[in-house]
Each structure stands twice: as C-alpha cells, then as structure tokens.
Amino acid sequence: MALCLRLASRSVAANCSSRILQKSLLTTSSRSWAIQQYSAEEWERKNEKMGRPLSPHLTIYKFQLTSMLSITHRATGMGLHFGLLCFAGVMVLLPNSYPYYLTLLAGSGGGKALLVASKFIISWPFFFHTFNGIRHLVWDMGKGFSIKTLYKSGYAVVGLSILAALVAAVV
C-alpha cells in the first residue's frame, strides 16, 4: 500500500512539474515576443508618451580622479603601443636617421620651444603609464586601498609624471 501511494505521489508531482514547466515556457516565450514586437523608434515614442526619462548614464556621472586615471592609463597604454609601432615603421621607411630629424626640428622656426614641447608630448604618456603601473603593482600587493591613500597616490602619479616629463624634455 505504501509503495502504491509513493508511486502515485511521484506521478502526480511529475505531471504537476511538467505543467508548471510548460506554463513557464509559454509565458517566457510570450514575454519575449512582447518585447520584440516594438522597434527601437516605437519603444522610444512609447516611453516619451508615458513620461519615462532616458537613462542618464554619463550626463549625471561625476568624474572622479580614480576613474579618470584608469581611463588615462588605458589610453596611454594604447597610445604608446600604436605610437611606437607607427614610429618604428616610419623610421624604417624614411631615408635619414632619427637624430637628423631632431636637428631639423630644432632648426625650424619654432626653435628650442618647439623641441621641448615635442619631447614633453612624447615623454609624458610614457612616464604617466610607468608611474601608474607602479601604483597598480602596489595595489597588487594589497596596499593603498583607503580612499585617502588612493587620492594621494593618484595626485602623486600625476605630479611625478608631469615633473619627469618636464625634466626629460628640457634635458
């Protein structure tokens, strides 16, 4: 008798769960159909009619030093990679060597100021990426995660990179 009751309860549970599964599949597929029936323009018009705002994302975001340094670190990394790649390709294709073009730049109308500015523009991404990379290595050791320390190290990276680039440009 007990065996019959157990088997009967299992078959009822199996039938019930299969009905629930079928019902959930039907509602999911009908829901996805309801979402897909609108085009992007119709969706925006419907939301405007209902008074729903667009997602403000960047319009309300307050940029912080940490996020800006992260973006700049990635940009300088890509810039250094592609810049050095293009520089090497151009130097291979040009008929003269690099010092020849430096003296040509120094002898142009801009003089020493143009040479110093060019050297600063070329060296700052290198120094920034290097100092910020050291900052990341310190983070990898598990240190410097308090908000105060994050901002101090961020300002230190910016200051040191500008100072080092100025020294490299003048020398």
C-alpha atoms as a PDB file:
ATOM      1  CA  MET A   1       0.000   0.000   0.000  1.00  0.00           C
ATOM      2  CA  ALA A   2       2.768   2.429   0.922  1.00  0.00           C
ATOM      3  CA  LEU A   3       4.551   1.655  -2.321  1.00  0.00           C
ATOM      4  CA  CYS A   4       1.411   2.428  -4.316  1.00  0.00           C
ATOM      5  CA  LEU A   5       0.987   5.753  -2.526  1.00  0.00           C
ATOM      6  CA  ARG A   6       4.633   6.715  -3.168  1.00  0.00           C
ATOM      7  CA  LEU A   7       4.411   5.861  -6.865  1.00  0.00           C
ATOM      8  CA  ALA A   8       1.112   7.709  -7.181  1.00  0.00           C
ATOM      9  CA  SER A   9       2.515  10.813  -5.482  1.00  0.00           C
ATOM     10  CA  ARG A  10       5.582  10.766  -7.757  1.00  0.00           C
ATOM     11  CA  SER A  11       3.476  10.591 -10.903  1.00  0.00           C
ATOM     12  CA  VAL A  12       1.251  13.441  -9.660  1.00  0.00           C
ATOM     13  CA  ALA A  13       4.343  15.512  -8.843  1.00  0.00           C
ATOM     14  CA  ALA A  14       5.869  14.756 -12.238  1.00  0.00           C
ATOM     15  CA  ASN A  15       2.675  15.753 -14.050  1.00  0.00           C
ATOM     16  CA  CYS A  16       2.362  18.891 -11.953  1.00  0.00           C
ATOM     17  CA  SER A  17       6.000  19.923 -12.527  1.00  0.00           C
ATOM     18  CA  SER A  18       5.737  19.298 -16.266  1.00  0.00           C
ATOM     19  CA  ARG A  19       2.624  21.525 -16.411  1.00  0.00           C
ATOM     20  CA  ILE A  20       4.416  24.261 -14.467  1.00  0.00           C
ATOM     21  CA  LEU A  21       7.413  23.978 -16.797  1.00  0.00           C
ATOM     22  CA  GLN A  22       5.188  24.196 -19.881  1.00  0.00           C
ATOM     23  CA  LYS A  23       3.369  27.198 -18.435  1.00  0.00           C
ATOM     24  CA  SER A  24       6.633  28.993 -17.622  1.00  0.00           C
ATOM     25  CA  LEU A  25       7.962  28.304 -21.119  1.00  0.00           C
ATOM     26  CA  LEU A  26       4.776  29.698 -22.640  1.00  0.00           C
ATOM     27  CA  THR A  27       4.889  32.856 -20.539  1.00  0.00           C
ATOM     28  CA  THR A  28       8.605  33.355 -21.231  1.00  0.00           C
ATOM     29  CA  SER A  29       8.172  32.971 -24.960  1.00  0.00           C
ATOM     30  CA  SER A  30       5.122  35.247 -24.982  1.00  0.00           C
ATOM     31  CA  ARG A  31       7.041  37.808 -22.920  1.00  0.00           C
ATOM     32  CA  SER A  32       9.986  37.787 -25.329  1.00  0.00           C
ATOM     33  CA  TRP A  33       7.520  38.161 -28.204  1.00  0.00           C
ATOM     34  CA  ALA A  34       6.009  41.203 -26.473  1.00  0.00           C
ATOM     35  CA  ILE A  35       9.424  42.811 -26.137  1.00  0.00           C
ATOM     36  CA  GLN A  36      10.419  42.042 -29.720  1.00  0.00           C
ATOM     37  CA  GLN A  37       7.264  43.455 -31.279  1.00  0.00           C
ATOM     38  CA  TYR A  38       8.496  47.049 -30.808  1.00  0.00           C
ATOM     39  CA  SER A  39      11.147  48.660 -32.955  1.00  0.00           C
ATOM     40  CA  ALA A  40      13.637  50.995 -31.273  1.00  0.00           C
ATOM     41  CA  GLU A  41      11.817  54.098 -32.504  1.00  0.00           C
ATOM     42  CA  GLU A  42       8.441  52.806 -31.351  1.00  0.00           C
ATOM     43  CA  TRP A  43       9.913  51.938 -27.983  1.00  0.00           C
ATOM     44  CA  GLU A  44      11.302  55.466 -27.553  1.00  0.00           C
ATOM     45  CA  ARG A  45       7.982  57.057 -28.608  1.00  0.00           C
ATOM     46  CA  LYS A  46       6.087  54.841 -26.171  1.00  0.00           C
ATOM     47  CA  ASN A  47       8.438  55.820 -23.344  1.00  0.00           C
ATOM     48  CA  GLU A  48       8.163  59.515 -24.212  1.00  0.00           C
ATOM     49  CA  LYS A  49       4.364  59.254 -24.229  1.00  0.00           C
ATOM     50  CA  MET A  50       4.437  57.602 -20.809  1.00  0.00           C
ATOM     51  CA  GLY A  51       6.826  60.270 -19.473  1.00  0.00           C
ATOM     52  CA  ARG A  52       9.692  57.876 -18.818  1.00  0.00           C
ATOM     53  CA  PRO A  53      13.142  59.501 -18.852  1.00  0.00           C
ATOM     54  CA  LEU A  54      16.079  58.124 -20.792  1.00  0.00           C
ATOM     55  CA  SER A  55      18.807  56.555 -18.741  1.00  0.00           C
ATOM     56  CA  PRO A  56      21.076  59.491 -17.850  1.00  0.00           C
ATOM     57  CA  HIS A  57      24.335  57.462 -17.592  1.00  0.00           C
ATOM     58  CA  LEU A  58      27.147  59.943 -18.409  1.00  0.00           C
ATOM     59  CA  THR A  59      25.081  63.114 -18.101  1.00  0.00           C
ATOM     60  CA  ILE A  60      24.830  62.790 -14.315  1.00  0.00           C
ATOM     61  CA  TYR A  61      28.103  60.983 -13.645  1.00  0.00           C
ATOM     62  CA  LYS A  62      30.591  62.917 -11.549  1.00  0.00           C
ATOM     63  CA  PHE A  63      34.057  62.077 -12.838  1.00  0.00           C
ATOM     64  CA  GLN A  64      36.456  61.118 -10.077  1.00  0.00           C
ATOM     65  CA  LEU A  65      40.221  61.150 -10.026  1.00  0.00           C
ATOM     66  CA  THR A  66      40.405  57.362  -9.807  1.00  0.00           C
ATOM     67  CA  SER A  67      38.204  56.773 -12.846  1.00  0.00           C
ATOM     68  CA  MET A  68      39.974  59.422 -14.906  1.00  0.00           C
ATOM     69  CA  LEU A  69      43.364  57.946 -14.044  1.00  0.00           C
ATOM     70  CA  SER A  70      42.129  54.498 -15.043  1.00  0.00           C
ATOM     71  CA  ILE A  71      40.855  55.788 -18.394  1.00  0.00           C
ATOM     72  CA  THR A  72      44.085  57.724 -18.950  1.00  0.00           C
ATOM     73  CA  HIS A  73      46.192  54.668 -18.046  1.00  0.00           C
ATOM     74  CA  ARG A  74      44.418  52.602 -20.697  1.00  0.00           C
ATOM     75  CA  ALA A  75      44.622  55.404 -23.263  1.00  0.00           C
ATOM     76  CA  THR A  76      48.342  55.965 -22.684  1.00  0.00           C
ATOM     77  CA  GLY A  77      48.981  52.230 -22.911  1.00  0.00           C
ATOM     78  CA  MET A  78      47.249  52.002 -26.269  1.00  0.00           C
ATOM     79  CA  GLY A  79      48.834  55.256 -27.429  1.00  0.00           C
ATOM     80  CA  LEU A  80      52.307  54.057 -26.516  1.00  0.00           C
ATOM     81  CA  HIS A  81      51.750  50.760 -28.270  1.00  0.00           C
ATOM     82  CA  PHE A  82      50.425  52.168 -31.518  1.00  0.00           C
ATOM     83  CA  GLY A  83      52.655  55.255 -31.362  1.00  0.00           C
ATOM     84  CA  LEU A  84      55.831  53.213 -31.058  1.00  0.00           C
ATOM     85  CA  LEU A  85      54.630  50.833 -33.728  1.00  0.00           C
ATOM     86  CA  CYS A  86      53.969  53.695 -36.175  1.00  0.00           C
ATOM     87  CA  PHE A  87      57.192  55.485 -35.185  1.00  0.00           C
ATOM     88  CA  ALA A  88      59.261  52.365 -35.891  1.00  0.00           C
ATOM     89  CA  GLY A  89      57.505  51.842 -39.217  1.00  0.00           C
ATOM     90  CA  VAL A  90      58.063  55.451 -40.272  1.00  0.00           C
ATOM     91  CA  MET A  91      61.719  55.401 -39.196  1.00  0.00           C
ATOM     92  CA  VAL A  92      62.289  52.280 -41.298  1.00  0.00           C
ATOM     93  CA  LEU A  93      60.704  53.914 -44.338  1.00  0.00           C
ATOM     94  CA  LEU A  94      62.367  57.352 -44.067  1.00  0.00           C
ATOM     95  CA  PRO A  95      65.751  57.842 -45.746  1.00  0.00           C
ATOM     96  CA  ASN A  96      67.563  59.504 -42.801  1.00  0.00           C
ATOM     97  CA  SER A  97      68.073  58.601 -39.146  1.00  0.00           C
ATOM     98  CA  TYR A  98      66.209  59.932 -36.111  1.00  0.00           C
ATOM     99  CA  PRO A  99      68.902  62.447 -34.986  1.00  0.00           C
ATOM    100  CA  TYR A 100      68.746  64.074 -38.420  1.00  0.00           C
ATOM    101  CA  TYR A 101      65.035  64.791 -37.962  1.00  0.00           C
ATOM    102  CA  LEU A 102      65.602  66.099 -34.412  1.00  0.00           C
ATOM    103  CA  THR A 103      68.154  68.629 -35.678  1.00  0.00           C
ATOM    104  CA  LEU A 104      65.761  69.509 -38.496  1.00  0.00           C
ATOM    105  CA  LEU A 105      63.020  70.141 -35.917  1.00  0.00           C
ATOM    106  CA  ALA A 106      65.381  72.186 -33.714  1.00  0.00           C
ATOM    107  CA  GLY A 107      66.456  74.299 -36.697  1.00  0.00           C
ATOM    108  CA  SER A 108      62.874  75.050 -37.768  1.00  0.00           C
ATOM    109  CA  GLY A 109      61.076  78.314 -36.954  1.00  0.00           C
ATOM    110  CA  GLY A 110      59.880  77.137 -33.519  1.00  0.00           C
ATOM    111  CA  GLY A 111      63.379  76.597 -32.249  1.00  0.00           C
ATOM    112  CA  LYS A 112      64.075  75.263 -28.778  1.00  0.00           C
ATOM    113  CA  ALA A 113      60.489  75.783 -27.530  1.00  0.00           C
ATOM    114  CA  LEU A 114      59.047  73.515 -30.224  1.00  0.00           C
ATOM    115  CA  LEU A 115      61.650  70.847 -29.463  1.00  0.00           C
ATOM    116  CA  VAL A 116      60.919  70.955 -25.704  1.00  0.00           C
ATOM    117  CA  ALA A 117      57.151  70.821 -26.300  1.00  0.00           C
ATOM    118  CA  SER A 118      57.542  67.884 -28.682  1.00  0.00           C
ATOM    119  CA  LYS A 119      59.713  65.994 -26.218  1.00  0.00           C
ATOM    120  CA  PHE A 120      57.201  66.645 -23.416  1.00  0.00           C
ATOM    121  CA  ILE A 121      54.269  65.428 -25.539  1.00  0.00           C
ATOM    122  CA  ILE A 122      56.186  62.274 -26.427  1.00  0.00           C
ATOM    123  CA  SER A 123      57.552  61.530 -22.933  1.00  0.00           C
ATOM    124  CA  TRP A 124      54.546  62.316 -20.688  1.00  0.00           C
ATOM    125  CA  PRO A 125      52.460  59.256 -21.675  1.00  0.00           C
ATOM    126  CA  PHE A 126      55.471  57.025 -21.013  1.00  0.00           C
ATOM    127  CA  PHE A 127      56.090  58.453 -17.546  1.00  0.00           C
ATOM    128  CA  PHE A 128      52.403  58.511 -16.618  1.00  0.00           C
ATOM    129  CA  HIS A 129      51.905  54.906 -17.692  1.00  0.00           C
ATOM    130  CA  THR A 130      55.056  53.836 -15.840  1.00  0.00           C
ATOM    131  CA  PHE A 131      54.203  55.589 -12.560  1.00  0.00           C
ATOM    132  CA  ASN A 132      50.569  54.472 -12.671  1.00  0.00           C
ATOM    133  CA  GLY A 133      51.769  50.922 -13.400  1.00  0.00           C
ATOM    134  CA  ILE A 134      53.897  51.057 -10.244  1.00  0.00           C
ATOM    135  CA  ARG A 135      50.794  52.233  -8.390  1.00  0.00           C
ATOM    136  CA  HIS A 136      48.927  49.194  -9.715  1.00  0.00           C
ATOM    137  CA  LEU A 137      51.757  46.897  -8.596  1.00  0.00           C
ATOM    138  CA  VAL A 138      51.418  48.322  -5.071  1.00  0.00           C
ATOM    139  CA  TRP A 139      47.695  47.577  -5.255  1.00  0.00           C
ATOM    140  CA  ASP A 140      48.507  44.016  -6.322  1.00  0.00           C
ATOM    141  CA  MET A 141      50.370  43.655  -3.023  1.00  0.00           C
ATOM    142  CA  GLY A 142      47.126  44.607  -1.261  1.00  0.00           C
ATOM    143  CA  LYS A 143      48.194  48.060  -0.104  1.00  0.00           C
ATOM    144  CA  GLY A 144      46.872  51.565  -0.670  1.00  0.00           C
ATOM    145  CA  PHE A 145      43.144  50.903  -0.939  1.00  0.00           C
ATOM    146  CA  SER A 146      41.843  53.506   1.513  1.00  0.00           C
ATOM    147  CA  ILE A 147      40.156  56.455  -0.169  1.00  0.00           C
ATOM    148  CA  LYS A 148      42.690  58.920   1.238  1.00  0.00           C
ATOM    149  CA  THR A 149      45.626  56.821   0.003  1.00  0.00           C
ATOM    150  CA  LEU A 150      44.010  56.303  -3.419  1.00  0.00           C
ATOM    151  CA  TYR A 151      43.726  60.059  -3.952  1.00  0.00           C
ATOM    152  CA  LYS A 152      47.221  60.760  -2.584  1.00  0.00           C
ATOM    153  CA  SER A 153      48.791  58.174  -4.870  1.00  0.00           C
ATOM    154  CA  GLY A 154      46.701  59.450  -7.803  1.00  0.00           C
ATOM    155  CA  TYR A 155      47.886  63.018  -7.336  1.00  0.00           C
ATOM    156  CA  ALA A 156      51.440  61.740  -6.844  1.00  0.00           C
ATOM    157  CA  VAL A 157      51.267  59.862 -10.158  1.00  0.00           C
ATOM    158  CA  VAL A 158      50.028  62.965 -11.997  1.00  0.00           C
ATOM    159  CA  GLY A 159      52.624  65.227 -10.359  1.00  0.00           C
ATOM    160  CA  LEU A 160      55.552  62.867 -10.810  1.00  0.00           C
ATOM    161  CA  SER A 161      54.684  62.156 -14.417  1.00  0.00           C
ATOM    162  CA  ILE A 162      54.488  65.869 -15.285  1.00  0.00           C
ATOM    163  CA  LEU A 163      57.712  66.597 -13.410  1.00  0.00           C
ATOM    164  CA  ALA A 164      59.597  63.693 -15.002  1.00  0.00           C
ATOM    165  CA  ALA A 165      58.333  64.625 -18.481  1.00  0.00           C
ATOM    166  CA  LEU A 166      59.417  68.240 -17.983  1.00  0.00           C
ATOM    167  CA  VAL A 167      62.885  67.138 -16.863  1.00  0.00           C
ATOM    168  CA  ALA A 168      63.173  64.769 -19.817  1.00  0.00           C
ATOM    169  CA  ALA A 169      62.001  67.471 -22.223  1.00  0.00           C
ATOM    170  CA  VAL A 170      64.453  70.090 -21.002  1.00  0.00           C
ATOM    171  CA  VAL A 171      67.491  67.802 -20.803  1.00  0.00           C
END
